[in-house]
Amino acid sequence: MKYVVQVNDQRKTVSVEPEGLRYEESAPVHAELSDIEGSPVRMVKLGTHVYRVVAEKRQGRGNYTLWVDGSRFETEALDERTRAIRDLSAANVGPSGPAPIVAPMPGLIVRVNVSVGDQVEAGQGLVVMEAMKMENELRATAAGTVRSIEVSAGTAVEKGALLVALE
């Protein structure tokens, strides 16, 4: 079984094989793990080297903080398949930050309740638009700062038109 291990922002491949552990492309080395009774310390033997390790599980799959002979390491260990899926999904993530306010339908802008540079909170009403003789208040989905306002009262807009950009 192959694992992709990330230690302090560096990725390495570790394979668990019948002959032992293989680190990157090195020769397999015999590995043993044993608990020290009544202690969070584990003894890890890799070949002829012995290490004292304390592992603390962190939030998220495969995330640990390791103390190895007094040195601290932030690690993530995932099997190859899970790592590949996570990398692919991260590549498809859109931009972060507050979502821009766009017209959910064609309509007429009745009122703009903010100015450029204003700080807004999640749920705060930013724009009021009329569609099908009903007024709809469009609200911020997250806190942010108004970067630009693309419309003014009386402007007719199409569905999907950018109304207010946030940062």
Protein backbone atom coordinates (compact mmCIF):
# COMPACT_ATOMS: atom_id res chain seq x y z
CA MET A 1 0.00 0.00 0.00
CA LYS A 2 1.38 3.43 -0.95
CA TYR A 3 0.85 6.55 1.12
CA VAL A 4 1.57 10.17 0.30
CA VAL A 5 2.92 11.77 3.46
CA GLN A 6 3.17 15.53 3.76
CA VAL A 7 5.54 16.72 6.48
CA ASN A 8 5.86 20.47 7.01
CA ASP A 9 4.78 21.22 3.39
CA GLN A 10 7.01 18.57 1.74
CA ARG A 11 5.41 15.50 0.13
CA LYS A 12 7.04 12.09 0.17
CA THR A 13 5.85 8.61 -0.82
CA VAL A 14 5.98 5.76 1.70
CA SER A 15 5.13 2.19 0.66
CA VAL A 16 4.18 -0.57 3.08
CA GLU A 17 5.51 -3.80 1.55
CA PRO A 18 6.02 -7.34 2.83
CA GLU A 19 9.79 -6.62 3.00
CA GLY A 20 9.24 -3.49 5.14
CA LEU A 21 8.76 0.23 4.57
CA ARG A 22 10.05 1.90 1.43
CA TYR A 23 10.66 5.66 1.60
CA GLU A 24 10.56 7.30 -1.85
CA GLU A 25 12.78 5.05 -4.03
CA SER A 26 15.07 3.72 -1.27
CA ALA A 27 15.47 0.04 -0.39
CA PRO A 28 12.83 -1.41 1.96
CA VAL A 29 13.70 -1.21 5.66
CA HIS A 30 12.36 -3.39 8.47
CA ALA A 31 9.88 -1.42 10.64
CA GLU A 32 8.38 -2.07 14.07
CA LEU A 33 5.95 -0.04 16.16
CA SER A 34 5.43 -0.68 19.87
CA ASP A 35 3.50 1.10 22.63
CA ILE A 36 4.99 2.09 25.95
CA GLU A 37 2.41 0.98 28.48
CA GLY A 38 0.70 3.85 30.33
CA SER A 39 2.24 6.48 28.05
CA PRO A 40 1.31 8.25 24.80
CA VAL A 41 4.84 7.52 23.57
CA ARG A 42 5.41 4.89 20.91
CA MET A 43 8.73 3.41 19.94
CA VAL A 44 9.36 3.23 16.19
CA LYS A 45 12.20 1.08 14.94
CA LEU A 46 13.29 1.64 11.34
CA GLY A 47 16.17 -0.67 10.46
CA THR A 48 18.72 -0.10 13.23
CA HIS A 49 17.38 3.31 14.31
CA VAL A 50 14.91 3.73 17.19
CA TYR A 51 12.70 6.83 17.62
CA ARG A 52 10.36 7.98 20.39
CA VAL A 53 7.16 9.29 18.80
CA VAL A 54 4.06 10.97 20.23
CA ALA A 55 1.20 11.34 17.72
CA GLU A 56 -1.72 13.70 18.27
CA LYS A 57 -4.69 13.37 15.91
CA ARG A 58 -5.82 16.69 14.42
CA GLN A 59 -9.05 17.63 12.69
CA GLY A 60 -9.38 16.13 9.21
CA ARG A 61 -8.55 12.79 7.70
CA GLY A 62 -4.91 11.74 8.05
CA ASN A 63 -3.80 14.88 9.94
CA TYR A 64 -1.43 14.47 12.87
CA THR A 65 1.05 16.44 14.91
CA LEU A 66 4.09 14.26 15.60
CA TRP A 67 6.79 14.80 18.18
CA VAL A 68 9.79 12.70 17.15
CA ASP A 69 12.60 12.71 19.72
CA GLY A 70 11.55 16.22 20.81
CA SER A 71 11.05 17.75 17.33
CA ARG A 72 7.53 18.71 16.22
CA PHE A 73 6.14 17.92 12.74
CA GLU A 74 2.74 18.75 11.19
CA THR A 75 1.83 15.79 8.98
CA GLU A 76 -0.85 14.46 6.71
CA ALA A 77 -0.76 10.82 5.60
CA LEU A 78 -3.23 9.69 2.93
CA ASP A 79 -3.33 6.69 0.65
CA GLU A 80 -2.53 7.46 -3.01
CA ARG A 81 -6.16 7.34 -4.15
CA THR A 82 -7.44 9.70 -1.44
CA ARG A 83 -4.52 12.11 -2.07
CA ALA A 84 -5.27 12.14 -5.82
CA ILE A 85 -8.97 12.80 -5.22
CA ARG A 86 -8.18 15.60 -2.77
CA ASP A 87 -5.71 17.18 -5.22
CA LEU A 88 -8.25 17.03 -8.05
CA SER A 89 -11.02 18.54 -5.96
CA ALA A 90 -8.69 21.30 -4.74
CA ALA A 91 -7.80 22.11 -8.37
CA ASN A 92 -11.50 22.62 -9.12
CA VAL A 93 -12.18 24.94 -6.19
CA GLY A 94 -13.27 28.38 -7.28
CA PRO A 95 -11.99 31.63 -5.90
CA SER A 96 -12.32 32.13 -2.17
CA GLY A 97 -13.88 35.07 -0.39
CA PRO A 98 -17.38 36.48 -0.39
CA ALA A 99 -19.50 35.66 -3.44
CA PRO A 100 -20.39 38.56 -5.73
CA ILE A 101 -24.02 39.66 -5.78
CA VAL A 102 -25.59 38.73 -9.12
CA ALA A 103 -29.11 39.11 -10.43
CA PRO A 104 -31.05 35.89 -9.79
CA MET A 105 -33.56 36.83 -12.53
CA PRO A 106 -34.20 39.65 -15.01
CA GLY A 107 -35.52 42.76 -13.31
CA LEU A 108 -35.17 46.42 -12.41
CA ILE A 109 -32.85 47.75 -9.70
CA VAL A 110 -34.94 49.70 -7.18
CA ARG A 111 -32.31 50.60 -4.60
CA VAL A 112 -28.61 50.06 -3.82
CA ASN A 113 -28.07 50.12 -0.04
CA VAL A 114 -24.24 50.24 0.02
CA SER A 115 -21.34 52.31 -1.30
CA VAL A 116 -17.86 51.32 -2.48
CA GLY A 117 -15.63 50.66 0.52
CA ASP A 118 -18.48 49.80 2.93
CA GLN A 119 -17.95 46.87 5.29
CA VAL A 120 -20.85 44.42 5.05
CA GLU A 121 -21.91 41.51 7.24
CA ALA A 122 -23.29 38.16 6.15
CA GLY A 123 -27.03 38.51 5.57
CA GLN A 124 -26.94 42.29 5.14
CA GLY A 125 -29.23 43.60 2.37
CA LEU A 126 -27.19 45.16 -0.43
CA VAL A 127 -29.51 45.62 -3.41
CA VAL A 128 -33.28 45.69 -3.88
CA MET A 129 -34.55 44.65 -7.28
CA GLU A 130 -38.04 44.35 -8.71
CA ALA A 131 -39.00 41.32 -10.74
CA MET A 132 -42.56 40.33 -11.71
CA LYS A 133 -43.95 43.24 -9.64
CA MET A 134 -42.27 41.97 -6.46
CA GLU A 135 -39.33 43.53 -4.64
CA ASN A 136 -36.47 41.18 -3.74
CA GLU A 137 -33.70 42.14 -1.35
CA LEU A 138 -30.37 40.57 -2.32
CA ARG A 139 -28.13 39.91 0.68
CA ALA A 140 -24.42 39.30 1.22
CA THR A 141 -23.57 35.61 1.70
CA ALA A 142 -20.46 36.43 3.75
CA ALA A 143 -18.81 39.40 5.43
CA GLY A 144 -16.59 41.55 3.23
CA THR A 145 -15.89 44.95 1.75
CA VAL A 146 -17.74 46.42 -1.24
CA ARG A 147 -15.17 46.56 -4.06
CA SER A 148 -17.43 47.89 -6.81
CA ILE A 149 -21.07 48.61 -7.59
CA GLU A 150 -22.02 47.84 -11.18
CA VAL A 151 -25.63 49.15 -11.16
CA SER A 152 -27.71 52.06 -9.93
CA ALA A 153 -31.39 52.58 -9.17
CA GLY A 154 -33.47 52.35 -12.36
CA THR A 155 -31.08 50.00 -14.18
CA ALA A 156 -32.66 47.02 -15.97
CA VAL A 157 -30.58 43.85 -15.56
CA GLU A 158 -30.56 40.34 -17.01
CA LYS A 159 -30.27 37.15 -15.02
CA GLY A 160 -26.66 36.58 -13.90
CA ALA A 161 -25.60 40.23 -14.26
CA LEU A 162 -22.98 41.33 -11.70
CA LEU A 163 -24.54 43.87 -9.33
CA VAL A 164 -22.05 44.27 -6.47
CA ALA A 165 -18.49 42.88 -6.20
CA LEU A 166 -17.16 42.09 -2.71
CA GLU A 167 -13.68 41.34 -1.42
